[in-house]
Amino acid sequence: MRITYDDADGYNLDQEVLIQEMLKDHSMEHAHGVRTPIGPEWNELRGAECEKLPVTGGAEVATVKRFQSLVGSLMWVSRCTRPDIAFAVHKASRRTHDPTVDDWKLAKRY
């Protein structure tokens, strides 16, 4: 966590390095920012047709463990320096026990 002080703005906190590492760890180095952390297309009600994430898989396969890791990292960031993403992270964290592909898309926001 980086703390800087400016006479005009006061103290500023950021986690730029941690966020860059998190993006790299989850193959999102080339991700583009969006204005809203959760889109209107996300629906909390999911039907039986939603594809579940596999428990195991290769390095580039979205798995339950990778989803849980991503959500945990996002929770840390939202708690410490980015409260603006807390609502979306909370929605994703509610699915960590049984995530679907749609939940993975919510966490990665693409």
Protein backbone atom coordinates (compact mmCIF):
# COMPACT_ATOMS: atom_id res chain seq x y z
CA MET A 1 0.00 0.00 0.00
CA ARG A 2 1.37 3.39 -0.94
CA ILE A 3 0.62 6.46 1.17
CA THR A 4 1.39 9.90 -0.23
CA TYR A 5 0.82 13.37 1.13
CA ASP A 6 0.00 16.51 -0.82
CA ASP A 7 -0.62 19.90 0.81
CA ALA A 8 -3.60 20.53 -1.45
CA ASP A 9 -5.24 17.07 -1.28
CA GLY A 10 -3.95 15.66 2.01
CA TYR A 11 -3.20 11.95 2.30
CA ASN A 12 -3.78 9.55 -0.57
CA LEU A 13 -3.81 5.76 -0.35
CA ASP A 14 -3.41 3.43 -3.30
CA GLN A 15 -2.55 -0.17 -4.05
CA GLU A 16 -1.40 0.20 -7.63
CA VAL A 17 1.36 -2.41 -7.34
CA LEU A 18 -0.95 -4.99 -5.73
CA ILE A 19 -3.64 -4.38 -8.34
CA GLN A 20 -1.13 -4.75 -11.20
CA GLU A 21 0.11 -8.04 -9.68
CA MET A 22 -3.46 -9.26 -9.24
CA LEU A 23 -4.24 -8.48 -12.88
CA LYS A 24 -1.13 -10.35 -13.97
CA ASP A 25 -1.91 -13.36 -11.75
CA HIS A 26 -5.38 -13.65 -13.28
CA SER A 27 -4.30 -13.05 -16.91
CA MET A 28 -5.93 -9.63 -17.05
CA GLU A 29 -2.88 -7.46 -17.88
CA HIS A 30 -4.62 -5.99 -20.90
CA ALA A 31 -7.97 -5.36 -19.20
CA HIS A 32 -9.66 -2.03 -19.78
CA GLY A 33 -11.27 -0.05 -17.00
CA VAL A 34 -15.02 0.41 -16.88
CA ARG A 35 -17.09 3.10 -15.21
CA THR A 36 -19.26 0.77 -13.17
CA PRO A 37 -17.98 -2.28 -11.28
CA ILE A 38 -21.18 -4.26 -11.90
CA GLY A 39 -23.18 -4.22 -15.11
CA PRO A 40 -26.94 -4.22 -15.61
CA GLU A 41 -26.67 -7.52 -17.48
CA TRP A 42 -25.75 -9.39 -14.28
CA ASN A 43 -28.72 -11.14 -12.76
CA GLU A 44 -28.64 -12.53 -9.24
CA LEU A 45 -31.25 -15.12 -10.11
CA ARG A 46 -29.63 -17.93 -11.99
CA GLY A 47 -31.26 -20.85 -13.62
CA ALA A 48 -30.26 -24.50 -13.74
CA GLU A 49 -28.74 -23.97 -17.20
CA CYS A 50 -25.77 -21.99 -15.80
CA GLU A 51 -22.51 -23.83 -16.39
CA LYS A 52 -20.57 -24.53 -13.17
CA LEU A 53 -16.85 -23.83 -12.91
CA PRO A 54 -14.76 -27.01 -12.74
CA VAL A 55 -13.04 -27.90 -9.47
CA THR A 56 -9.76 -28.75 -11.23
CA GLY A 57 -8.24 -27.68 -14.52
CA GLY A 58 -5.17 -26.42 -16.33
CA ALA A 59 -3.27 -23.20 -15.76
CA GLU A 60 -5.53 -21.10 -17.99
CA VAL A 61 -8.83 -22.75 -17.06
CA ALA A 62 -11.22 -20.90 -14.77
CA THR A 63 -11.69 -23.11 -11.71
CA VAL A 64 -13.43 -22.77 -8.36
CA LYS A 65 -10.07 -22.15 -6.66
CA ARG A 66 -9.06 -19.43 -9.14
CA PHE A 67 -12.47 -17.78 -8.70
CA GLN A 68 -12.08 -17.83 -4.93
CA SER A 69 -8.56 -16.42 -5.21
CA LEU A 70 -9.71 -13.59 -7.47
CA VAL A 71 -12.65 -12.70 -5.23
CA GLY A 72 -10.40 -12.75 -2.15
CA SER A 73 -7.95 -10.37 -3.82
CA LEU A 74 -10.79 -8.08 -4.84
CA MET A 75 -12.15 -8.14 -1.28
CA TRP A 76 -8.78 -6.96 0.05
CA VAL A 77 -8.60 -4.13 -2.48
CA SER A 78 -12.20 -3.04 -1.87
CA ARG A 79 -11.72 -3.08 1.90
CA CYS A 80 -8.48 -1.09 1.96
CA THR A 81 -8.59 1.48 -0.84
CA ARG A 82 -11.47 0.92 -3.28
CA PRO A 83 -14.83 1.00 -1.48
CA ASP A 84 -16.46 1.87 -4.81
CA ILE A 85 -16.19 -1.78 -5.91
CA ALA A 86 -17.40 -3.27 -2.60
CA PHE A 87 -20.98 -3.93 -3.77
CA ALA A 88 -19.89 -5.88 -6.86
CA VAL A 89 -17.26 -7.80 -4.88
CA HIS A 90 -19.88 -8.68 -2.27
CA LYS A 91 -22.17 -10.06 -5.00
CA ALA A 92 -19.33 -12.19 -6.36
CA SER A 93 -18.31 -13.38 -2.88
CA ARG A 94 -21.78 -14.79 -2.29
CA ARG A 95 -21.06 -17.37 -5.03
CA THR A 96 -17.64 -18.65 -3.90
CA HIS A 97 -19.07 -21.97 -2.70
CA ASP A 98 -20.60 -22.91 -6.08
CA PRO A 99 -19.49 -20.48 -8.82
CA THR A 100 -20.69 -20.52 -12.41
CA VAL A 101 -19.17 -19.14 -15.60
CA ASP A 102 -21.45 -16.09 -15.19
CA ASP A 103 -20.01 -15.50 -11.71
CA TRP A 104 -16.50 -15.70 -13.20
CA LYS A 105 -17.48 -13.08 -15.77
CA LEU A 106 -18.84 -10.87 -12.98
CA ALA A 107 -15.59 -11.14 -11.03
CA LYS A 108 -13.51 -10.36 -14.11
CA ARG A 109 -16.12 -7.87 -15.40
CA TYR A 110 -15.97 -8.79 -19.06
